Amino acid sequence: MEERILLFLNETYKVEFYQVEVVTNEMYRCHSRQGIFYARITNYKTYEEQLEELKWTHYLFNQGVGVAEIVPSSKGSSLEPLSLDEEQLCVVFKAAPGIHLPRTEWNEAVFRGLGQQIGRMHRVSKGYLNTEAAVTIRHWHESEEYDFLQYIPAEEKSIREIAAGVVTQIKELPRDPSNYGLIHGDLWLENILVDRDSALTMIDFQDCEQHFYIYDLVVPIYSALEYSFMGGGNLRDYERSITKAMLEGYQEEHHLSSEMLTKFPLFLKLKECFEYSLMHKYWNFEELSEAEVRILNLYRNKIETRPGTGTLNYSE
């Protein structure tokens, strides 16, 4: 497979590639005499959807937002079809500067910088929405992945009621250009690179969507609580400190109202329900491991017991 991809890349791009390595089932590290590149090869979304994602990403790059640079093909296209075992689409990016930070280094200073970068992205994206005649990136609730009741079993009545209620509450929130627009949608810490000067690059925009801006702030906090906390205090204090730092950085670039900030717990609950629903969508429940059963029960406990509403203001 790697040899076939290498042949395709050298036939399609003005880069002299000499080695291709598998990173994930859809991402490949590509070595060339001009440096390192990454090829994303997937049919996760349609040609039109992926092309819109890349147009937005290219706009962000040209506006100085920390995103990976897209490499055009010899034909000048950012997206090229190829046939492997099935028809797929390829986009090539220049390797972004920086690394995935070690868990212990996700501190307040980094989260403040992340907040600034997300705020800059949201502010700049308003210009994209204003200049493009028709943006085809979907609204969040149009994605079947938010159809939680399709995947959460009928017997889990409490979870289903909570999940449906969260979606309903968020759909009913008033939205306007100050609180709703284009977002990355999947800012896990693994989708953020940090270089020596603490500059951040956001990668993997495949799940971009139109949503409330606050969701792009919830996801990295959620990710940090799942991934980066290493002890030395308590999880609640860590959550408050990094959230406060990120919101302070964000507000320097893009303002969110105090009313919207009070909805942070509600959107955190949306993320919990989203992940729990995906487990039901993708896991084989006839062959669950002991670890998977424990994870499911931990999620059920979080969703059922942790409030999704309240007046807690993380910006204080």
Protein backbone atom coordinates (compact mmCIF):
# COMPACT_ATOMS: atom_id res chain seq x y z
CA MET A 1 0.00 0.00 0.00
CA GLU A 2 2.78 2.44 0.91
CA GLU A 3 4.49 1.81 -2.43
CA ARG A 4 1.26 2.51 -4.30
CA ILE A 5 0.75 5.73 -2.37
CA LEU A 6 4.35 6.77 -3.00
CA LEU A 7 3.88 6.25 -6.73
CA PHE A 8 0.65 8.26 -6.71
CA LEU A 9 2.21 11.17 -4.79
CA ASN A 10 5.19 11.43 -7.14
CA GLU A 11 2.91 11.36 -10.16
CA THR A 12 0.53 13.97 -8.71
CA TYR A 13 2.62 16.50 -6.73
CA LYS A 14 5.70 18.58 -7.50
CA VAL A 15 7.54 17.09 -4.54
CA GLU A 16 10.21 14.39 -4.71
CA PHE A 17 8.94 11.84 -2.21
CA TYR A 18 11.09 8.82 -1.43
CA GLN A 19 9.36 7.16 1.56
CA VAL A 20 5.84 6.82 2.93
CA GLU A 21 5.07 5.62 6.48
CA VAL A 22 1.71 4.71 8.00
CA VAL A 23 0.66 6.94 10.90
CA THR A 24 -3.02 5.97 11.13
CA ASN A 25 -5.39 4.17 8.76
CA GLU A 26 -5.84 7.42 6.86
CA MET A 27 -2.71 9.49 7.59
CA TYR A 28 0.75 8.91 6.12
CA ARG A 29 4.07 10.55 6.89
CA CYS A 30 5.83 11.34 3.62
CA HIS A 31 9.58 11.92 3.42
CA SER A 32 11.01 14.02 0.62
CA ARG A 33 14.12 15.96 -0.24
CA GLN A 34 12.12 19.11 0.55
CA GLY A 35 11.23 17.93 4.05
CA ILE A 36 8.40 16.08 5.80
CA PHE A 37 4.82 16.14 4.55
CA TYR A 38 1.62 14.38 5.58
CA ALA A 39 -0.92 12.84 3.22
CA ARG A 40 -4.49 12.32 4.38
CA ILE A 41 -6.25 9.67 2.32
CA THR A 42 -9.88 9.06 3.20
CA ASN A 43 -13.45 8.89 2.00
CA TYR A 44 -14.73 10.02 5.40
CA LYS A 45 -16.61 12.87 3.69
CA THR A 46 -17.65 13.66 0.15
CA TYR A 47 -15.46 15.57 -2.31
CA GLU A 48 -17.57 18.70 -1.84
CA GLU A 49 -17.41 18.52 1.95
CA GLN A 50 -13.66 17.95 2.06
CA LEU A 51 -13.05 20.71 -0.48
CA GLU A 52 -15.00 23.19 1.67
CA GLU A 53 -12.98 22.16 4.71
CA LEU A 54 -9.75 22.78 2.80
CA LYS A 55 -10.94 26.14 1.44
CA TRP A 56 -11.63 27.28 5.00
CA THR A 57 -8.31 25.90 6.28
CA HIS A 58 -6.44 27.67 3.46
CA TYR A 59 -8.23 30.92 4.36
CA LEU A 60 -7.19 30.53 7.99
CA PHE A 61 -3.57 29.89 7.01
CA ASN A 62 -3.48 33.02 4.85
CA GLN A 63 -4.92 35.03 7.75
CA GLY A 64 -2.10 33.93 10.06
CA VAL A 65 -4.04 31.40 12.12
CA GLY A 66 -1.97 28.42 13.30
CA VAL A 67 -3.06 25.67 10.90
CA ALA A 68 -1.13 23.34 8.60
CA GLU A 69 -0.29 24.54 5.09
CA ILE A 70 -1.98 22.68 2.22
CA VAL A 71 0.21 21.58 -0.69
CA PRO A 72 -1.48 21.89 -4.10
CA SER A 73 -1.13 19.16 -6.69
CA SER A 74 0.58 19.68 -10.05
CA LYS A 75 -2.86 20.64 -11.37
CA GLY A 76 -3.23 23.28 -8.64
CA SER A 77 -5.88 21.33 -6.75
CA SER A 78 -5.91 20.88 -2.97
CA LEU A 79 -7.82 17.59 -3.23
CA GLU A 80 -7.04 14.73 -5.58
CA PRO A 81 -8.95 11.46 -6.13
CA LEU A 82 -7.11 8.15 -6.08
CA SER A 83 -8.10 4.51 -6.19
CA LEU A 84 -6.61 2.06 -3.71
CA ASP A 85 -8.89 -0.69 -2.44
CA GLU A 86 -11.69 1.83 -3.01
CA GLU A 87 -12.13 5.35 -4.32
CA GLN A 88 -10.63 7.86 -1.88
CA LEU A 89 -9.47 11.47 -1.74
CA CYS A 90 -5.98 12.75 -0.95
CA VAL A 91 -4.78 16.03 0.52
CA VAL A 92 -1.14 16.77 1.31
CA PHE A 93 0.00 19.08 4.12
CA LYS A 94 3.41 20.47 4.97
CA ALA A 95 4.53 19.15 8.34
CA ALA A 96 3.55 21.72 10.97
CA PRO A 97 6.20 22.91 13.41
CA GLY A 98 6.12 21.61 16.96
CA ILE A 99 5.35 18.44 18.85
CA HIS A 100 2.60 16.77 20.81
CA LEU A 101 3.38 18.02 24.30
CA PRO A 102 4.10 15.51 27.06
CA ARG A 103 1.13 15.19 29.41
CA THR A 104 2.82 17.01 32.27
CA GLU A 105 3.40 20.14 30.16
CA TRP A 106 -0.26 20.94 29.48
CA ASN A 107 -0.30 23.79 31.98
CA GLU A 108 -2.08 27.12 32.37
CA ALA A 109 0.35 28.98 30.10
CA VAL A 110 -0.20 26.56 27.22
CA PHE A 111 -3.97 26.67 27.64
CA ARG A 112 -3.93 30.45 27.66
CA GLY A 113 -2.09 30.36 24.32
CA LEU A 114 -4.55 27.78 23.02
CA GLY A 115 -7.43 30.04 23.99
CA GLN A 116 -5.86 32.89 22.03
CA GLN A 117 -5.42 30.70 18.95
CA ILE A 118 -9.01 29.41 19.08
CA GLY A 119 -10.32 32.95 19.58
CA ARG A 120 -8.30 34.17 16.60
CA MET A 121 -9.68 31.32 14.48
CA HIS A 122 -13.28 32.16 15.40
CA ARG A 123 -12.80 35.89 14.82
CA VAL A 124 -11.10 35.40 11.45
CA SER A 125 -13.68 32.84 10.32
CA LYS A 126 -16.41 35.47 10.39
CA GLY A 127 -14.66 37.02 7.41
CA TYR A 128 -14.76 33.70 5.59
CA LEU A 129 -18.48 33.36 6.22
CA ASN A 130 -19.02 36.92 4.97
CA THR A 131 -16.99 36.51 1.77
CA GLU A 132 -18.19 33.06 0.70
CA ALA A 133 -21.51 33.05 -1.12
CA ALA A 134 -22.49 29.63 0.21
CA VAL A 135 -20.67 27.74 2.95
CA THR A 136 -21.59 24.06 2.80
CA ILE A 137 -19.99 23.00 6.08
CA ARG A 138 -22.80 21.37 8.02
CA HIS A 139 -24.46 22.62 11.16
CA TRP A 140 -23.67 20.37 14.10
CA HIS A 141 -27.19 19.00 14.55
CA GLU A 142 -27.28 17.87 10.91
CA SER A 143 -24.64 15.24 11.65
CA GLU A 144 -25.99 11.79 12.45
CA GLU A 145 -23.32 11.48 15.16
CA TYR A 146 -25.45 13.82 17.30
CA ASP A 147 -28.48 11.56 16.87
CA PHE A 148 -27.75 9.97 20.23
CA LEU A 149 -31.02 8.06 20.46
CA GLN A 150 -30.07 6.14 17.33
CA TYR A 151 -27.19 4.49 19.20
CA ILE A 152 -27.86 4.56 22.95
CA PRO A 153 -29.96 1.46 23.77
CA ALA A 154 -33.64 1.85 24.64
CA GLU A 155 -33.15 0.21 28.03
CA GLU A 156 -30.78 2.99 29.11
CA LYS A 157 -33.73 5.27 29.75
CA SER A 158 -31.98 7.72 32.08
CA ILE A 159 -29.04 8.29 29.74
CA ARG A 160 -31.33 8.68 26.73
CA GLU A 161 -33.45 11.24 28.55
CA ILE A 162 -30.39 13.25 29.58
CA ALA A 163 -28.81 13.08 26.11
CA ALA A 164 -32.00 14.12 24.33
CA GLY A 165 -32.52 16.94 26.82
CA VAL A 166 -29.02 18.32 26.29
CA VAL A 167 -29.46 18.40 22.50
CA THR A 168 -32.85 20.08 22.86
CA GLN A 169 -31.50 22.74 25.23
CA ILE A 170 -28.62 23.60 22.93
CA LYS A 171 -30.82 23.74 19.83
CA GLU A 172 -33.04 26.24 21.64
CA LEU A 173 -30.19 28.60 22.56
CA PRO A 174 -30.31 31.90 20.67
CA ARG A 175 -27.52 32.09 18.14
CA ASP A 176 -25.92 34.98 16.31
CA PRO A 177 -22.52 35.76 14.72
CA SER A 178 -21.04 36.53 18.14
CA ASN A 179 -21.59 33.03 19.54
CA TYR A 180 -22.08 30.72 16.55
CA GLY A 181 -20.06 29.98 13.43
CA LEU A 182 -17.34 27.74 12.00
CA ILE A 183 -15.44 25.63 14.53
CA HIS A 184 -12.76 22.95 14.41
CA GLY A 185 -15.03 20.56 16.29
CA ASP A 186 -12.39 18.05 17.46
CA LEU A 187 -9.66 19.94 19.32
CA TRP A 188 -8.34 17.02 21.31
CA LEU A 189 -4.84 17.68 22.62
CA GLU A 190 -3.53 15.24 20.01
CA ASN A 191 -4.74 17.67 17.34
CA ILE A 192 -2.57 20.50 18.68
CA LEU A 193 1.17 20.92 18.10
CA VAL A 194 3.37 23.24 20.18
CA ASP A 195 6.79 24.49 19.06
CA ARG A 196 9.77 25.79 21.07
CA ASP A 197 8.40 29.34 21.07
CA SER A 198 5.04 28.09 22.41
CA ALA A 199 3.33 28.79 19.06
CA LEU A 200 0.43 26.40 18.47
CA THR A 201 -0.76 24.71 15.27
CA MET A 202 -4.20 23.10 15.04
CA ILE A 203 -4.46 20.09 12.75
CA ASP A 204 -7.12 17.62 11.50
CA PHE A 205 -10.13 19.75 10.55
CA GLN A 206 -12.14 16.78 9.26
CA ASP A 207 -14.85 17.25 11.88
CA CYS A 208 -15.29 20.98 11.31
CA GLU A 209 -18.86 22.16 11.59
CA GLN A 210 -21.05 25.16 12.28
CA HIS A 211 -21.67 25.18 16.00
CA PHE A 212 -21.60 27.38 19.07
CA TYR A 213 -18.06 28.69 19.49
CA ILE A 214 -17.92 27.56 23.10
CA TYR A 215 -17.81 23.93 21.98
CA ASP A 216 -14.29 24.46 20.60
CA LEU A 217 -13.31 25.48 24.15
CA VAL A 218 -15.05 22.56 25.82
CA VAL A 219 -13.35 19.84 23.76
CA PRO A 220 -9.71 20.57 24.75
CA ILE A 221 -10.70 20.89 28.41
CA TYR A 222 -12.54 17.59 28.17
CA SER A 223 -9.48 16.09 26.47
CA ALA A 224 -7.15 17.40 29.17
CA LEU A 225 -9.25 15.86 31.95
CA GLU A 226 -9.22 12.54 30.11
CA TYR A 227 -5.59 12.63 29.02
CA SER A 228 -3.20 15.10 30.61
CA PHE A 229 -3.83 15.31 34.37
CA MET A 230 -0.96 13.59 36.17
CA GLY A 231 -1.79 14.23 39.82
CA GLY A 232 0.03 16.62 42.13
CA GLY A 233 -3.19 18.25 43.22
CA ASN A 234 -6.77 17.41 42.43
CA LEU A 235 -8.62 17.13 39.18
CA ARG A 236 -11.22 19.77 40.00
CA ASP A 237 -8.59 22.43 40.69
CA TYR A 238 -6.74 21.48 37.51
CA GLU A 239 -9.95 21.80 35.51
CA ARG A 240 -10.72 25.23 36.94
CA SER A 241 -7.19 26.57 36.44
CA ILE A 242 -6.76 25.50 32.80
CA THR A 243 -10.32 26.53 31.89
CA LYS A 244 -9.84 29.97 33.44
CA ALA A 245 -6.53 30.39 31.58
CA MET A 246 -8.00 29.32 28.25
CA LEU A 247 -11.02 31.59 28.55
CA GLU A 248 -8.80 34.55 29.43
CA GLY A 249 -6.70 33.91 26.32
CA TYR A 250 -9.80 33.45 24.18
CA GLN A 251 -11.39 36.71 25.30
CA GLU A 252 -8.31 38.60 24.15
CA GLU A 253 -9.13 37.59 20.57
CA HIS A 254 -12.88 37.01 20.50
CA HIS A 255 -15.57 37.96 23.00
CA LEU A 256 -18.13 35.53 24.37
CA SER A 257 -20.88 36.89 26.58
CA SER A 258 -21.02 36.04 30.26
CA GLU A 259 -24.38 34.41 29.57
CA MET A 260 -22.81 32.04 27.04
CA LEU A 261 -19.93 31.23 29.38
CA THR A 262 -22.40 29.99 31.98
CA LYS A 263 -23.40 27.32 29.44
CA PHE A 264 -19.97 25.68 29.66
CA PRO A 265 -21.24 22.75 31.81
CA LEU A 266 -24.08 22.16 29.35
CA PHE A 267 -21.68 21.84 26.41
CA LEU A 268 -19.38 19.65 28.48
CA LYS A 269 -22.36 17.36 29.00
CA LEU A 270 -22.95 17.38 25.24
CA LYS A 271 -19.38 16.18 24.72
CA GLU A 272 -19.81 13.39 27.29
CA CYS A 273 -23.01 12.21 25.58
CA PHE A 274 -21.30 12.43 22.19
CA GLU A 275 -18.44 10.16 23.26
CA TYR A 276 -20.77 7.72 25.01
CA SER A 277 -22.95 7.50 21.90
CA LEU A 278 -19.91 6.83 19.69
CA MET A 279 -18.93 3.91 21.91
CA HIS A 280 -22.31 2.35 21.17
CA LYS A 281 -21.91 3.11 17.49
CA TYR A 282 -18.44 1.62 17.00
CA TRP A 283 -17.78 -0.93 19.76
CA ASN A 284 -18.69 -4.60 19.44
CA PHE A 285 -20.99 -5.11 22.42
CA GLU A 286 -20.92 -8.87 21.98
CA GLU A 287 -17.18 -8.92 22.70
CA LEU A 288 -16.57 -6.10 25.16
CA SER A 289 -13.33 -6.29 27.09
CA GLU A 290 -13.25 -5.76 30.85
CA ALA A 291 -11.62 -2.35 30.26
CA GLU A 292 -14.41 -1.31 27.86
CA VAL A 293 -17.10 -2.30 30.35
CA ARG A 294 -15.39 -0.19 33.01
CA ILE A 295 -15.16 2.78 30.64
CA LEU A 296 -18.83 2.51 29.76
CA ASN A 297 -19.80 2.44 33.44
CA LEU A 298 -17.56 5.40 34.21
CA TYR A 299 -19.21 7.40 31.43
CA ARG A 300 -22.67 6.43 32.59
CA ASN A 301 -21.78 7.59 36.07
CA LYS A 302 -20.46 10.93 34.79
CA ILE A 303 -23.46 11.59 32.61
CA GLU A 304 -26.01 10.60 35.24
CA THR A 305 -24.43 12.38 38.21
CA ARG A 306 -22.51 15.40 36.91
CA PRO A 307 -24.79 18.41 36.33
CA GLY A 308 -25.07 19.79 32.84
CA THR A 309 -26.46 23.10 33.94
CA GLY A 310 -25.58 25.63 36.56
CA THR A 311 -24.22 29.10 37.15
CA LEU A 312 -20.55 28.19 37.60
CA ASN A 313 -18.49 30.80 35.71
CA TYR A 314 -15.04 29.50 34.83
CA SER A 315 -13.89 32.98 33.85
CA GLU A 316 -13.91 34.24 37.42
